[in-house]
């Protein structure tokens, strides 16, 4: 359900989010960086999510990944993309 929320609430960010950089899925990278501000910013830039148009996405997804099991959400996203 949380993955569906991420897709529905931030459709403009999906292309960047589901990219693979160095064989790593964007949501996986963000879930692993969620508790480290510096690493979070690096991953956001790496996946092209640093622009103003992605501001709502960044704050919303970070909250979801922190409050719920971000690793599980990322694993499901990897299976589906």
Protein backbone atom coordinates (compact mmCIF):
# COMPACT_ATOMS: atom_id res chain seq x y z
CA UNK A 1 0.00 0.00 0.00
CA UNK A 2 2.85 2.40 0.79
CA UNK A 3 4.49 1.81 -2.57
CA UNK A 4 1.17 2.58 -4.25
CA UNK A 5 0.98 5.81 -2.24
CA UNK A 6 4.47 6.82 -3.40
CA UNK A 7 3.52 6.19 -7.03
CA UNK A 8 0.15 7.95 -6.79
CA UNK A 9 1.26 11.01 -4.82
CA UNK A 10 4.43 11.78 -6.77
CA UNK A 11 4.03 10.56 -10.36
CA UNK A 12 6.52 13.12 -11.72
CA UNK A 13 9.31 11.60 -9.60
CA UNK A 14 8.78 7.98 -10.64
CA UNK A 15 11.09 7.90 -13.65
CA UNK A 16 14.01 9.13 -11.52
CA UNK A 17 13.09 7.02 -8.52
CA UNK A 18 12.97 3.73 -10.40
CA UNK A 19 16.22 4.25 -12.28
CA UNK A 20 19.18 2.06 -11.53
CA UNK A 21 22.54 3.70 -11.00
CA UNK A 22 25.44 1.27 -10.65
CA UNK A 23 22.81 -1.51 -10.58
CA UNK A 24 21.13 0.06 -7.54
CA UNK A 25 17.44 0.96 -7.58
CA UNK A 26 16.68 4.56 -6.55
CA UNK A 27 14.26 3.67 -3.76
CA UNK A 28 16.82 1.22 -2.33
CA UNK A 29 19.48 3.95 -2.31
CA UNK A 30 17.13 6.39 -0.60
CA UNK A 31 15.99 3.85 1.98
CA UNK A 32 19.61 3.14 2.91
CA UNK A 33 20.39 6.88 3.16
CA UNK A 34 17.26 7.98 5.01
CA UNK A 35 18.93 8.56 8.39
CA UNK A 36 22.07 10.29 7.10
CA UNK A 37 21.52 13.85 5.85
CA UNK A 38 24.72 14.04 3.82
CA UNK A 39 24.20 10.65 2.17
CA UNK A 40 20.53 11.48 1.54
CA UNK A 41 21.55 14.60 -0.39
CA UNK A 42 24.11 12.64 -2.41
CA UNK A 43 21.55 10.00 -3.40
CA UNK A 44 18.87 12.59 -4.18
CA UNK A 45 21.27 14.27 -6.62
CA UNK A 46 22.49 10.96 -8.05
CA UNK A 47 18.95 9.97 -9.00
CA UNK A 48 17.98 13.39 -10.37
CA UNK A 49 15.56 14.19 -7.53
CA UNK A 50 17.15 17.41 -6.31
CA UNK A 51 15.10 19.88 -8.32
CA UNK A 52 12.37 22.10 -6.91
CA UNK A 53 9.74 19.98 -8.67
CA UNK A 54 10.73 17.05 -6.42
CA UNK A 55 10.65 18.94 -3.08
CA UNK A 56 7.34 17.43 -1.93
CA UNK A 57 8.52 13.99 -3.01
CA UNK A 58 11.77 14.25 -1.04
CA UNK A 59 10.13 15.21 2.22
CA UNK A 60 7.18 12.84 1.84
CA UNK A 61 9.17 9.78 0.81
CA UNK A 62 11.76 10.38 3.50
CA UNK A 63 8.98 10.46 6.10
CA UNK A 64 7.49 7.21 4.77
CA UNK A 65 10.86 5.46 4.65
CA UNK A 66 11.58 6.51 8.24
CA UNK A 67 8.18 5.65 9.69
CA UNK A 68 7.79 2.30 7.97
CA UNK A 69 10.19 -0.40 6.87
CA UNK A 70 11.99 1.41 4.06
CA UNK A 71 14.02 -1.66 3.14
CA UNK A 72 10.84 -3.70 2.59
CA UNK A 73 9.25 -0.96 0.51
CA UNK A 74 12.41 -0.76 -1.62
CA UNK A 75 12.52 -4.54 -2.02
CA UNK A 76 8.96 -4.58 -3.32
CA UNK A 77 9.70 -1.73 -5.73
CA UNK A 78 12.72 -3.62 -7.07
CA UNK A 79 10.57 -6.68 -7.75
CA UNK A 80 7.99 -4.66 -9.63
CA UNK A 81 10.32 -2.62 -11.82
